[in-house]
């Protein structure tokens, strides 16, 4: 249902360093049973293994967290990830939070609105109903008539709002702690050209495979030497 590409549509601070430090207080490395995400990007793109990180403090500063930030984050997660994919939704939310924290010049809400193609230009996307999602189970305006809302997608939407509240409470792991960008499969070719490193995200066992790809733009791969024909 969605094909948004956030990776390069609005590259904010692409060369800024994003780090996750496991020696900081209130940070715990989790090594529970996990299943890795399947790879579909070009074979030449390497991946770096990661570990999930759980933090016991809010990802977004309290002075930046309000109903407006909550609703736009939820809309973006639906537009970028889709329905019923909590692990990937949380991973995208972490990218926003990490980037906003590192770049400093953007609030969390500004980062979501600027980085996410799904919520950047209302009226010019294939899913205008994303902009009409509210903080309740009311069916959004422009919702397609052939897709069931009541009893199905309304619950998915409420689940997304609940996930966001638990994420902000510090209860949701960061499954891609080294990632500072994400994008669709088609973006992987551009990321390969920029020599970004693909982050091997880890999702809970039994979770759905991620649709998006996550990258670390601070780890640049060396250029490959081209062989000259004799």
Protein backbone atom coordinates (compact mmCIF):
# COMPACT_ATOMS: atom_id res chain seq x y z
CA UNK A 1 0.00 0.00 0.00
CA UNK A 2 2.88 2.38 0.53
CA UNK A 3 6.00 3.16 -1.40
CA UNK A 4 7.62 6.16 0.25
CA UNK A 5 11.34 6.75 0.13
CA UNK A 6 12.70 8.76 3.02
CA UNK A 7 16.33 7.85 2.69
CA UNK A 8 17.32 10.46 0.12
CA UNK A 9 14.18 12.49 -0.40
CA UNK A 10 15.33 14.91 2.29
CA UNK A 11 18.82 14.12 3.53
CA UNK A 12 19.25 16.13 6.74
CA UNK A 13 22.79 16.22 8.08
CA UNK A 14 23.86 13.15 6.13
CA UNK A 15 27.45 13.38 7.30
CA UNK A 16 26.65 13.98 10.95
CA UNK A 17 27.85 11.21 13.21
CA UNK A 18 25.28 9.11 15.05
CA UNK A 19 26.55 6.86 17.81
CA UNK A 20 24.98 4.53 20.35
CA UNK A 21 27.09 4.14 23.46
CA UNK A 22 26.40 1.11 25.58
CA UNK A 23 28.43 2.47 28.51
CA UNK A 24 26.03 5.34 29.20
CA UNK A 25 23.79 5.11 32.27
CA UNK A 26 20.29 3.73 31.80
CA UNK A 27 21.34 1.71 28.74
CA UNK A 28 21.19 -2.08 28.63
CA UNK A 29 22.41 -4.34 25.82
CA UNK A 30 19.92 -7.12 25.10
CA UNK A 31 21.04 -10.44 23.64
CA UNK A 32 17.81 -12.42 23.72
CA UNK A 33 16.86 -14.89 21.00
CA UNK A 34 16.50 -12.89 17.79
CA UNK A 35 16.08 -13.49 14.06
CA UNK A 36 17.93 -11.32 11.57
CA UNK A 37 16.35 -9.49 8.67
CA UNK A 38 16.66 -11.03 5.23
CA UNK A 39 18.90 -9.21 2.79
CA UNK A 40 17.79 -8.17 -0.68
CA UNK A 41 20.21 -5.34 -1.45
CA UNK A 42 23.08 -5.63 -3.96
CA UNK A 43 25.60 -8.24 -2.86
CA UNK A 44 28.41 -5.70 -2.71
CA UNK A 45 26.78 -3.80 0.12
CA UNK A 46 28.18 -5.10 3.43
CA UNK A 47 26.21 -5.33 6.64
CA UNK A 48 27.29 -4.68 10.19
CA UNK A 49 25.80 -6.78 13.00
CA UNK A 50 24.14 -4.95 15.84
CA UNK A 51 22.57 -5.63 19.19
CA UNK A 52 19.27 -4.23 20.37
CA UNK A 53 19.48 -1.47 22.93
CA UNK A 54 16.85 -0.77 25.57
CA UNK A 55 16.86 2.61 27.26
CA UNK A 56 14.94 3.44 30.39
CA UNK A 57 14.61 7.12 29.59
CA UNK A 58 12.36 8.85 27.01
CA UNK A 59 13.83 8.92 23.48
CA UNK A 60 12.30 12.37 22.94
CA UNK A 61 12.96 15.17 25.45
CA UNK A 62 9.90 15.87 27.58
CA UNK A 63 9.79 19.50 26.46
CA UNK A 64 9.45 18.34 22.82
CA UNK A 65 6.93 15.58 23.40
CA UNK A 66 3.30 16.66 22.97
CA UNK A 67 0.15 15.59 21.14
CA UNK A 68 1.32 17.16 17.89
CA UNK A 69 4.61 15.25 17.95
CA UNK A 70 2.72 12.07 18.83
CA UNK A 71 0.19 12.30 16.00
CA UNK A 72 2.73 13.20 13.30
CA UNK A 73 5.05 10.41 14.40
CA UNK A 74 2.14 7.94 14.24
CA UNK A 75 1.09 9.16 10.80
CA UNK A 76 4.65 8.88 9.55
CA UNK A 77 5.06 5.33 10.87
CA UNK A 78 1.93 4.21 9.06
CA UNK A 79 2.98 5.96 5.85
CA UNK A 80 6.56 4.66 5.94
CA UNK A 81 6.14 1.19 7.45
CA UNK A 82 2.49 0.18 7.23
CA UNK A 83 0.22 -1.75 9.56
CA UNK A 84 1.01 -4.40 12.14
CA UNK A 85 4.81 -4.00 12.08
CA UNK A 86 5.72 -2.74 15.57
CA UNK A 87 9.44 -3.63 15.50
CA UNK A 88 10.04 -1.77 12.24
CA UNK A 89 7.86 1.14 13.35
CA UNK A 90 9.95 1.47 16.51
CA UNK A 91 13.17 1.33 14.47
CA UNK A 92 12.01 4.22 12.26
CA UNK A 93 11.02 6.22 15.34
CA UNK A 94 14.49 5.66 16.75
CA UNK A 95 16.08 7.02 13.56
CA UNK A 96 14.08 10.23 13.95
CA UNK A 97 14.95 10.56 17.64
CA UNK A 98 18.65 9.82 17.16
CA UNK A 99 18.96 12.29 14.30
CA UNK A 100 17.12 15.05 16.13
CA UNK A 101 19.27 14.53 19.21
CA UNK A 102 22.52 14.52 17.27
CA UNK A 103 21.81 17.39 14.86
CA UNK A 104 20.34 19.59 17.64
CA UNK A 105 19.09 22.29 15.29
CA UNK A 106 15.83 20.40 14.73
CA UNK A 107 13.20 19.47 17.26
CA UNK A 108 11.84 15.95 17.13
CA UNK A 109 8.65 17.12 15.41
CA UNK A 110 10.63 19.10 12.84
CA UNK A 111 12.78 16.07 12.12
CA UNK A 112 9.75 13.87 11.49
CA UNK A 113 8.09 16.42 9.22
CA UNK A 114 11.27 17.16 7.24
CA UNK A 115 12.72 13.67 6.92
CA UNK A 116 9.59 11.61 6.33
CA UNK A 117 8.34 11.79 2.74
CA UNK A 118 5.06 10.25 3.88
CA UNK A 119 4.01 13.37 5.81
CA UNK A 120 5.98 16.12 4.12
CA UNK A 121 3.65 17.27 1.32
CA UNK A 122 -0.10 16.90 1.99
CA UNK A 123 -2.32 16.57 -1.06
CA UNK A 124 0.53 15.42 -3.30
CA UNK A 125 0.80 11.81 -2.23
CA UNK A 126 -1.03 8.63 -3.09
CA UNK A 127 -2.24 8.28 0.51
CA UNK A 128 -3.90 11.59 1.45
CA UNK A 129 -5.80 9.80 4.24
CA UNK A 130 -2.53 9.57 6.21
CA UNK A 131 -2.86 13.28 7.00
CA UNK A 132 -6.38 12.72 8.35
CA UNK A 133 -5.51 10.06 10.95
CA UNK A 134 -6.45 11.30 14.42
CA UNK A 135 -5.70 10.33 18.02
CA UNK A 136 -8.76 8.08 18.14
CA UNK A 137 -10.29 5.26 16.11
CA UNK A 138 -12.27 7.54 13.79
CA UNK A 139 -12.02 6.56 10.13
CA UNK A 140 -9.88 9.13 8.32
CA UNK A 141 -11.19 11.26 5.49
CA UNK A 142 -10.33 9.89 2.02
CA UNK A 143 -10.05 6.34 3.41
CA UNK A 144 -10.44 3.88 0.47
CA UNK A 145 -13.91 2.38 0.45
CA UNK A 146 -12.67 -1.07 -0.56
CA UNK A 147 -10.45 -1.42 2.53
CA UNK A 148 -11.99 -2.36 5.84
CA UNK A 149 -11.49 0.18 8.62
CA UNK A 150 -13.83 -0.77 11.46
CA UNK A 151 -12.70 -3.90 13.24
CA UNK A 152 -9.38 -4.13 11.39
CA UNK A 153 -7.34 -1.09 10.49
CA UNK A 154 -8.79 0.96 13.33
CA UNK A 155 -7.23 -1.53 15.73
CA UNK A 156 -3.92 -1.44 13.86
CA UNK A 157 -3.99 2.35 14.26
CA UNK A 158 -4.71 2.16 17.99
CA UNK A 159 -1.90 -0.38 18.33
CA UNK A 160 0.48 2.09 16.66
CA UNK A 161 -0.51 4.82 19.12
CA UNK A 162 0.03 2.41 22.00
CA UNK A 163 3.42 1.42 20.63
CA UNK A 164 4.46 5.07 20.46
CA UNK A 165 3.49 5.63 24.10
CA UNK A 166 5.52 2.60 25.20
CA UNK A 167 8.42 3.70 23.00
CA UNK A 168 8.45 7.16 24.55
CA UNK A 169 8.31 5.54 28.00
CA UNK A 170 11.59 3.77 27.20
CA UNK A 171 10.05 0.30 26.97
CA UNK A 172 10.79 -0.48 23.30
CA UNK A 173 14.27 -1.63 22.18
CA UNK A 174 16.24 0.02 19.44
CA UNK A 175 16.62 -2.79 16.92
CA UNK A 176 18.94 -0.78 14.64
CA UNK A 177 21.03 1.32 17.06
CA UNK A 178 23.72 2.24 14.50
CA UNK A 179 21.24 3.44 11.85
CA UNK A 180 20.89 7.11 11.01
CA UNK A 181 19.02 6.66 7.72
CA UNK A 182 16.35 4.36 6.33
CA UNK A 183 14.72 3.87 2.97
CA UNK A 184 13.00 1.43 0.63
CA UNK A 185 14.66 -1.34 -1.36
CA UNK A 186 14.98 0.99 -4.35
CA UNK A 187 17.01 3.41 -2.23
CA UNK A 188 19.61 0.70 -1.59
CA UNK A 189 21.17 1.32 -5.00
CA UNK A 190 21.69 4.99 -4.19
CA UNK A 191 23.02 4.10 -0.74
CA UNK A 192 25.41 1.68 -2.42
CA UNK A 193 26.66 4.50 -4.66
CA UNK A 194 27.25 6.67 -1.59
CA UNK A 195 29.07 3.73 0.03
CA UNK A 196 26.91 3.77 3.15
CA UNK A 197 26.93 0.65 5.32
CA UNK A 198 23.79 -1.43 5.61
CA UNK A 199 22.84 -2.01 9.25
CA UNK A 200 21.80 -5.58 9.98
CA UNK A 201 18.77 -4.89 12.16
CA UNK A 202 17.53 -7.48 14.61
CA UNK A 203 13.84 -8.08 15.20
CA UNK A 204 12.11 -10.22 17.82
CA UNK A 205 11.76 -13.86 16.89
CA UNK A 206 8.52 -14.31 15.00
CA UNK A 207 8.40 -10.66 13.95
CA UNK A 208 7.80 -9.55 10.38
CA UNK A 209 10.73 -8.93 8.06
CA UNK A 210 11.49 -5.25 7.67
CA UNK A 211 10.31 -3.59 4.47
CA UNK A 212 12.74 -0.69 4.77
CA UNK A 213 16.53 -0.83 4.80
CA UNK A 214 18.54 0.89 7.51
CA UNK A 215 21.95 2.47 7.00
CA UNK A 216 24.87 4.04 8.80
CA UNK A 217 26.15 6.92 6.68
CA UNK A 218 29.07 7.56 9.07
CA UNK A 219 30.69 4.23 8.15
CA UNK A 220 31.88 4.73 4.60
CA UNK A 221 33.13 1.70 2.72
CA UNK A 222 36.39 1.98 0.75
CA UNK A 223 36.09 2.32 -2.98
CA UNK A 224 36.59 -0.81 -5.01
CA UNK A 225 39.49 -0.70 -7.45
CA UNK A 226 38.33 -1.17 -11.01
CA UNK A 227 40.31 -3.64 -13.05
CA UNK A 228 41.81 -2.28 -16.21
CA UNK A 229 41.71 -4.36 -19.33
CA UNK A 230 45.14 -5.15 -20.68
